[in-house]
Amino acid sequence: IRALDDLLGRLHRQAPECPRHPMAQT
């Protein structure tokens, strides 16, 4: 769980740069 939390934290920090699914953007 801690390892997944670490991965999610990294992803959330970078998420503004990452492409989103078109359905999620709207």
PDB file of all heavy atoms in Angstrom:
ATOM      1  N   ILE A   1       0.842  -1.201   0.000  1.00  0.00           N
ATOM      2  CA  ILE A   1       0.000   0.000   0.000  1.00  0.00           C
ATOM      3  C   ILE A   1       0.875   1.248   0.000  1.00  0.00           C
ATOM      4  O   ILE A   1       0.614   2.202  -0.756  1.00  0.00           O
ATOM      5  CB  ILE A   1      -0.964  -0.009   1.200  1.00  0.00           C
ATOM      6  CG1 ILE A   1      -2.000  -1.129   1.022  1.00  0.00           C
ATOM      7  CG2 ILE A   1      -1.636   1.353   1.388  1.00  0.00           C
ATOM      8  CD1 ILE A   1      -2.779  -1.460   2.279  1.00  0.00           C
ATOM      9  N   ARG A   2       1.930   1.262   0.804  1.00  0.00           N
ATOM     10  CA  ARG A   2       2.841   2.411   0.826  1.00  0.00           C
ATOM     11  C   ARG A   2       3.498   2.606  -0.533  1.00  0.00           C
ATOM     12  O   ARG A   2       3.661   3.738  -0.995  1.00  0.00           O
ATOM     13  CB  ARG A   2       3.891   2.245   1.920  1.00  0.00           C
ATOM     14  CG  ARG A   2       3.391   2.638   3.300  1.00  0.00           C
ATOM     15  CD  ARG A   2       4.528   2.736   4.308  1.00  0.00           C
ATOM     16  NE  ARG A   2       5.155   1.453   4.572  1.00  0.00           N
ATOM     17  CZ  ARG A   2       4.706   0.549   5.442  1.00  0.00           C
ATOM     18  NH1 ARG A   2       3.610   0.790   6.127  1.00  0.00           N
ATOM     19  NH2 ARG A   2       5.344  -0.583   5.626  1.00  0.00           N
ATOM     20  N   ALA A   3       3.882   1.512  -1.188  1.00  0.00           N
ATOM     21  CA  ALA A   3       4.498   1.614  -2.515  1.00  0.00           C
ATOM     22  C   ALA A   3       3.516   2.225  -3.521  1.00  0.00           C
ATOM     23  O   ALA A   3       3.893   3.088  -4.317  1.00  0.00           O
ATOM     24  CB  ALA A   3       4.976   0.242  -2.983  1.00  0.00           C
ATOM     25  N   LEU A   4       2.261   1.788  -3.475  1.00  0.00           N
ATOM     26  CA  LEU A   4       1.259   2.360  -4.380  1.00  0.00           C
ATOM     27  C   LEU A   4       0.997   3.822  -4.053  1.00  0.00           C
ATOM     28  O   LEU A   4       0.834   4.651  -4.953  1.00  0.00           O
ATOM     29  CB  LEU A   4      -0.035   1.559  -4.326  1.00  0.00           C
ATOM     30  CG  LEU A   4      -0.019   0.276  -5.143  1.00  0.00           C
ATOM     31  CD1 LEU A   4      -1.254  -0.556  -4.841  1.00  0.00           C
ATOM     32  CD2 LEU A   4       0.087   0.570  -6.614  1.00  0.00           C
ATOM     33  N   ASP A   5       0.968   4.163  -2.769  1.00  0.00           N
ATOM     34  CA  ASP A   5       0.797   5.564  -2.381  1.00  0.00           C
ATOM     35  C   ASP A   5       1.937   6.415  -2.941  1.00  0.00           C
ATOM     36  O   ASP A   5       1.715   7.542  -3.399  1.00  0.00           O
ATOM     37  CB  ASP A   5       0.727   5.710  -0.864  1.00  0.00           C
ATOM     38  CG  ASP A   5      -0.611   5.279  -0.287  1.00  0.00           C
ATOM     39  OD1 ASP A   5      -1.606   5.195  -1.054  1.00  0.00           O
ATOM     40  OD2 ASP A   5      -0.660   5.015   0.932  1.00  0.00           O
ATOM     41  N   ASP A   6       3.151   5.881  -2.926  1.00  0.00           N
ATOM     42  CA  ASP A   6       4.300   6.590  -3.483  1.00  0.00           C
ATOM     43  C   ASP A   6       4.114   6.806  -4.989  1.00  0.00           C
ATOM     44  O   ASP A   6       4.315   7.910  -5.495  1.00  0.00           O
ATOM     45  CB  ASP A   6       5.590   5.818  -3.209  1.00  0.00           C
ATOM     46  CG  ASP A   6       6.783   6.495  -3.850  1.00  0.00           C
ATOM     47  OD1 ASP A   6       7.048   7.672  -3.535  1.00  0.00           O
ATOM     48  OD2 ASP A   6       7.458   5.842  -4.686  1.00  0.00           O
ATOM     49  N   LEU A   7       3.700   5.761  -5.714  1.00  0.00           N
ATOM     50  CA  LEU A   7       3.481   5.890  -7.155  1.00  0.00           C
ATOM     51  C   LEU A   7       2.380   6.900  -7.443  1.00  0.00           C
ATOM     52  O   LEU A   7       2.519   7.744  -8.345  1.00  0.00           O
ATOM     53  CB  LEU A   7       3.119   4.539  -7.771  1.00  0.00           C
ATOM     54  CG  LEU A   7       4.141   3.419  -7.652  1.00  0.00           C
ATOM     55  CD1 LEU A   7       3.643   2.179  -8.385  1.00  0.00           C
ATOM     56  CD2 LEU A   7       5.506   3.837  -8.154  1.00  0.00           C
ATOM     57  N   LEU A   8       1.288   6.837  -6.686  1.00  0.00           N
ATOM     58  CA  LEU A   8       0.193   7.789  -6.874  1.00  0.00           C
ATOM     59  C   LEU A   8       0.639   9.214  -6.567  1.00  0.00           C
ATOM     60  O   LEU A   8       0.260  10.153  -7.274  1.00  0.00           O
ATOM     61  CB  LEU A   8      -1.011   7.399  -6.025  1.00  0.00           C
ATOM     62  CG  LEU A   8      -1.815   6.233  -6.584  1.00  0.00           C
ATOM     63  CD1 LEU A   8      -2.696   5.608  -5.508  1.00  0.00           C
ATOM     64  CD2 LEU A   8      -2.639   6.679  -7.784  1.00  0.00           C
ATOM     65  N   GLY A   9       1.450   9.378  -5.538  1.00  0.00           N
ATOM     66  CA  GLY A   9       1.968  10.709  -5.215  1.00  0.00           C
ATOM     67  C   GLY A   9       2.803  11.271  -6.354  1.00  0.00           C
ATOM     68  O   GLY A   9       2.662  12.447  -6.723  1.00  0.00           O
ATOM     69  N   ARG A  10       3.671  10.443  -6.918  1.00  0.00           N
ATOM     70  CA  ARG A  10       4.484  10.887  -8.057  1.00  0.00           C
ATOM     71  C   ARG A  10       3.587  11.270  -9.232  1.00  0.00           C
ATOM     72  O   ARG A  10       3.801  12.287  -9.884  1.00  0.00           O
ATOM     73  CB  ARG A  10       5.436   9.780  -8.500  1.00  0.00           C
ATOM     74  CG  ARG A  10       6.528   9.485  -7.523  1.00  0.00           C
ATOM     75  CD  ARG A  10       7.309   8.282  -7.988  1.00  0.00           C
ATOM     76  NE  ARG A  10       8.218   7.840  -6.951  1.00  0.00           N
ATOM     77  CZ  ARG A  10       9.468   7.504  -7.188  1.00  0.00           C
ATOM     78  NH1 ARG A  10       9.950   7.533  -8.412  1.00  0.00           N
ATOM     79  NH2 ARG A  10      10.239   7.116  -6.198  1.00  0.00           N
ATOM     80  N   LEU A  11       2.596  10.458  -9.488  1.00  0.00           N
ATOM     81  CA  LEU A  11       1.701  10.709 -10.617  1.00  0.00           C
ATOM     82  C   LEU A  11       0.873  11.967 -10.396  1.00  0.00           C
ATOM     83  O   LEU A  11       0.733  12.795 -11.298  1.00  0.00           O
ATOM     84  CB  LEU A  11       0.798   9.496 -10.842  1.00  0.00           C
ATOM     85  CG  LEU A  11      -0.082   9.516 -12.084  1.00  0.00           C
ATOM     86  CD1 LEU A  11       0.683   9.883 -13.336  1.00  0.00           C
ATOM     87  CD2 LEU A  11      -0.741   8.164 -12.249  1.00  0.00           C
ATOM     88  N   HIS A  12       0.354  12.173  -9.191  1.00  0.00           N
ATOM     89  CA  HIS A  12      -0.439  13.374  -8.917  1.00  0.00           C
ATOM     90  C   HIS A  12       0.420  14.632  -9.026  1.00  0.00           C
ATOM     91  O   HIS A  12      -0.073  15.671  -9.488  1.00  0.00           O
ATOM     92  CB  HIS A  12      -1.108  13.292  -7.550  1.00  0.00           C
ATOM     93  CG  HIS A  12      -2.293  12.381  -7.531  1.00  0.00           C
ATOM     94  ND1 HIS A  12      -3.435  12.633  -8.250  1.00  0.00           N
ATOM     95  CD2 HIS A  12      -2.504  11.209  -6.890  1.00  0.00           C
ATOM     96  CE1 HIS A  12      -4.303  11.658  -8.053  1.00  0.00           C
ATOM     97  NE2 HIS A  12      -3.760  10.785  -7.234  1.00  0.00           N
ATOM     98  N   ARG A  13       1.685  14.556  -8.631  1.00  0.00           N
ATOM     99  CA  ARG A  13       2.572  15.716  -8.771  1.00  0.00           C
ATOM    100  C   ARG A  13       2.806  16.050 -10.240  1.00  0.00           C
ATOM    101  O   ARG A  13       2.983  17.208 -10.594  1.00  0.00           O
ATOM    102  CB  ARG A  13       3.903  15.468  -8.067  1.00  0.00           C
ATOM    103  CG  ARG A  13       3.821  15.587  -6.553  1.00  0.00           C
ATOM    104  CD  ARG A  13       5.187  15.569  -5.904  1.00  0.00           C
ATOM    105  NE  ARG A  13       5.870  14.300  -6.019  1.00  0.00           N
ATOM    106  CZ  ARG A  13       5.660  13.232  -5.246  1.00  0.00           C
ATOM    107  NH1 ARG A  13       4.760  13.282  -4.289  1.00  0.00           N
ATOM    108  NH2 ARG A  13       6.355  12.124  -5.412  1.00  0.00           N
ATOM    109  N   GLN A  14       2.848  15.041 -11.097  1.00  0.00           N
ATOM    110  CA  GLN A  14       3.117  15.245 -12.514  1.00  0.00           C
ATOM    111  C   GLN A  14       1.846  15.345 -13.353  1.00  0.00           C
ATOM    112  O   GLN A  14       1.923  15.697 -14.529  1.00  0.00           O
ATOM    113  CB  GLN A  14       3.967  14.088 -13.050  1.00  0.00           C
ATOM    114  CG  GLN A  14       5.312  13.951 -12.384  1.00  0.00           C
ATOM    115  CD  GLN A  14       6.213  15.154 -12.620  1.00  0.00           C
ATOM    116  OE1 GLN A  14       6.064  15.868 -13.596  1.00  0.00           O
ATOM    117  NE2 GLN A  14       7.136  15.382 -11.714  1.00  0.00           N
ATOM    118  N   ALA A  15       0.693  15.021 -12.792  1.00  0.00           N
ATOM    119  CA  ALA A  15      -0.555  14.913 -13.557  1.00  0.00           C
ATOM    120  C   ALA A  15      -0.881  16.142 -14.404  1.00  0.00           C
ATOM    121  O   ALA A  15      -1.398  15.975 -15.505  1.00  0.00           O
ATOM    122  CB  ALA A  15      -1.713  14.564 -12.632  1.00  0.00           C
ATOM    123  N   PRO A  16      -0.617  17.363 -13.956  1.00  0.00           N
ATOM    124  CA  PRO A  16      -0.964  18.500 -14.822  1.00  0.00           C
ATOM    125  C   PRO A  16      -0.269  18.443 -16.183  1.00  0.00           C
ATOM    126  O   PRO A  16      -0.796  18.934 -17.163  1.00  0.00           O
ATOM    127  CB  PRO A  16      -0.512  19.721 -14.024  1.00  0.00           C
ATOM    128  CG  PRO A  16      -0.553  19.268 -12.609  1.00  0.00           C
ATOM    129  CD  PRO A  16      -0.160  17.801 -12.651  1.00  0.00           C
ATOM    130  N   GLU A  17       0.905  17.831 -16.245  1.00  0.00           N
ATOM    131  CA  GLU A  17       1.635  17.724 -17.502  1.00  0.00           C
ATOM    132  C   GLU A  17       1.154  16.552 -18.348  1.00  0.00           C
ATOM    133  O   GLU A  17       1.374  16.527 -19.546  1.00  0.00           O
ATOM    134  CB  GLU A  17       3.128  17.488 -17.234  1.00  0.00           C
ATOM    135  CG  GLU A  17       3.835  18.624 -16.563  1.00  0.00           C
ATOM    136  CD  GLU A  17       5.299  18.277 -16.336  1.00  0.00           C
ATOM    137  OE1 GLU A  17       5.858  17.462 -17.090  1.00  0.00           O
ATOM    138  OE2 GLU A  17       5.877  18.831 -15.394  1.00  0.00           O
ATOM    139  N   CYS A  18       0.535  15.570 -17.741  1.00  0.00           N
ATOM    140  CA  CYS A  18       0.203  14.319 -18.428  1.00  0.00           C
ATOM    141  C   CYS A  18      -1.127  14.430 -19.168  1.00  0.00           C
ATOM    142  O   CYS A  18      -2.066  15.037 -18.676  1.00  0.00           O
ATOM    143  CB  CYS A  18       0.130  13.166 -17.434  1.00  0.00           C
ATOM    144  SG  CYS A  18       1.710  12.805 -16.688  1.00  0.00           S
ATOM    145  N   PRO A  19      -1.213  13.800 -20.337  1.00  0.00           N
ATOM    146  CA  PRO A  19      -2.486  13.813 -21.059  1.00  0.00           C
ATOM    147  C   PRO A  19      -3.579  13.111 -20.250  1.00  0.00           C
ATOM    148  O   PRO A  19      -3.322  12.131 -19.577  1.00  0.00           O
ATOM    149  CB  PRO A  19      -2.186  13.012 -22.332  1.00  0.00           C
ATOM    150  CG  PRO A  19      -0.722  12.867 -22.392  1.00  0.00           C
ATOM    151  CD  PRO A  19      -0.175  13.086 -21.014  1.00  0.00           C
ATOM    152  N   ARG A  20      -4.774  13.649 -20.344  1.00  0.00           N
ATOM    153  CA  ARG A  20      -5.925  13.063 -19.661  1.00  0.00           C
ATOM    154  C   ARG A  20      -6.814  12.409 -20.706  1.00  0.00           C
ATOM    155  O   ARG A  20      -6.788  12.767 -21.877  1.00  0.00           O
ATOM    156  CB  ARG A  20      -6.734  14.147 -18.926  1.00  0.00           C
ATOM    157  CG  ARG A  20      -5.901  14.992 -17.975  1.00  0.00           C
ATOM    158  CD  ARG A  20      -5.306  14.173 -16.905  1.00  0.00           C
ATOM    159  NE  ARG A  20      -6.161  14.227 -15.747  1.00  0.00           N
ATOM    160  CZ  ARG A  20      -5.793  13.842 -14.558  1.00  0.00           C
ATOM    161  NH1 ARG A  20      -4.600  13.362 -14.373  1.00  0.00           N
ATOM    162  NH2 ARG A  20      -6.611  13.892 -13.549  1.00  0.00           N
ATOM    163  N   HIS A  21      -7.630  11.512 -20.248  1.00  0.00           N
ATOM    164  CA  HIS A  21      -8.591  10.881 -21.134  1.00  0.00           C
ATOM    165  C   HIS A  21      -9.594  11.957 -21.574  1.00  0.00           C
ATOM    166  O   HIS A  21     -10.017  12.767 -20.761  1.00  0.00           O
ATOM    167  CB  HIS A  21      -9.313   9.762 -20.398  1.00  0.00           C
ATOM    168  CG  HIS A  21     -10.166   8.928 -21.267  1.00  0.00           C
ATOM    169  ND1 HIS A  21     -11.419   9.325 -21.666  1.00  0.00           N
ATOM    170  CD2 HIS A  21      -9.936   7.722 -21.848  1.00  0.00           C
ATOM    171  CE1 HIS A  21     -11.935   8.402 -22.434  1.00  0.00           C
ATOM    172  NE2 HIS A  21     -11.059   7.423 -22.570  1.00  0.00           N
ATOM    173  N   PRO A  22      -9.959  12.017 -22.857  1.00  0.00           N
ATOM    174  CA  PRO A  22     -10.874  13.083 -23.317  1.00  0.00           C
ATOM    175  C   PRO A  22     -12.173  13.149 -22.525  1.00  0.00           C
ATOM    176  O   PRO A  22     -12.682  14.237 -22.276  1.00  0.00           O
ATOM    177  CB  PRO A  22     -11.169  12.697 -24.770  1.00  0.00           C
ATOM    178  CG  PRO A  22     -10.012  11.861 -25.174  1.00  0.00           C
ATOM    179  CD  PRO A  22      -9.529  11.156 -23.931  1.00  0.00           C
ATOM    180  N   MET A  23     -12.726  12.034 -22.086  1.00  0.00           N
ATOM    181  CA  MET A  23     -13.957  12.039 -21.300  1.00  0.00           C
ATOM    182  C   MET A  23     -13.726  12.707 -19.950  1.00  0.00           C
ATOM    183  O   MET A  23     -14.598  13.381 -19.442  1.00  0.00           O
ATOM    184  CB  MET A  23     -14.476  10.614 -21.105  1.00  0.00           C
ATOM    185  CG  MET A  23     -14.886   9.927 -22.389  1.00  0.00           C
ATOM    186  SD  MET A  23     -16.291  10.705 -23.156  1.00  0.00           S
ATOM    187  CE  MET A  23     -17.572  10.144 -22.056  1.00  0.00           C
ATOM    188  N   ALA A  24     -12.547  12.516 -19.364  1.00  0.00           N
ATOM    189  CA  ALA A  24     -12.262  13.104 -18.056  1.00  0.00           C
ATOM    190  C   ALA A  24     -12.090  14.621 -18.161  1.00  0.00           C
ATOM    191  O   ALA A  24     -12.406  15.340 -17.243  1.00  0.00           O
ATOM    192  CB  ALA A  24     -11.010  12.477 -17.460  1.00  0.00           C
ATOM    193  N   GLN A  25     -11.592  15.097 -19.292  1.00  0.00           N
ATOM    194  CA  GLN A  25     -11.367  16.533 -19.445  1.00  0.00           C
ATOM    195  C   GLN A  25     -12.674  17.313 -19.472  1.00  0.00           C
ATOM    196  O   GLN A  25     -12.717  18.449 -19.036  1.00  0.00           O
ATOM    197  CB  GLN A  25     -10.601  16.809 -20.739  1.00  0.00           C
ATOM    198  CG  GLN A  25      -9.167  16.355 -20.657  1.00  0.00           C
ATOM    199  CD  GLN A  25      -8.429  16.621 -21.961  1.00  0.00           C
ATOM    200  OE1 GLN A  25      -8.988  17.173 -22.903  1.00  0.00           O
ATOM    201  NE2 GLN A  25      -7.180  16.227 -22.013  1.00  0.00           N
ATOM    202  N   THR A  26     -13.721  16.696 -19.976  1.00  0.00           N
ATOM    203  CA  THR A  26     -14.984  17.412 -20.079  1.00  0.00           C
ATOM    204  C   THR A  26     -15.870  17.244 -18.862  1.00  0.00           C
ATOM    205  O   THR A  26     -16.862  17.920 -18.719  1.00  0.00           O
ATOM    206  CB  THR A  26     -15.758  16.943 -21.336  1.00  0.00           C
ATOM    207  OG1 THR A  26     -16.012  15.546 -21.220  1.00  0.00           O
ATOM    208  CG2 THR A  26     -14.977  17.241 -22.600  1.00  0.00           C
TER     209      THR A  26
END
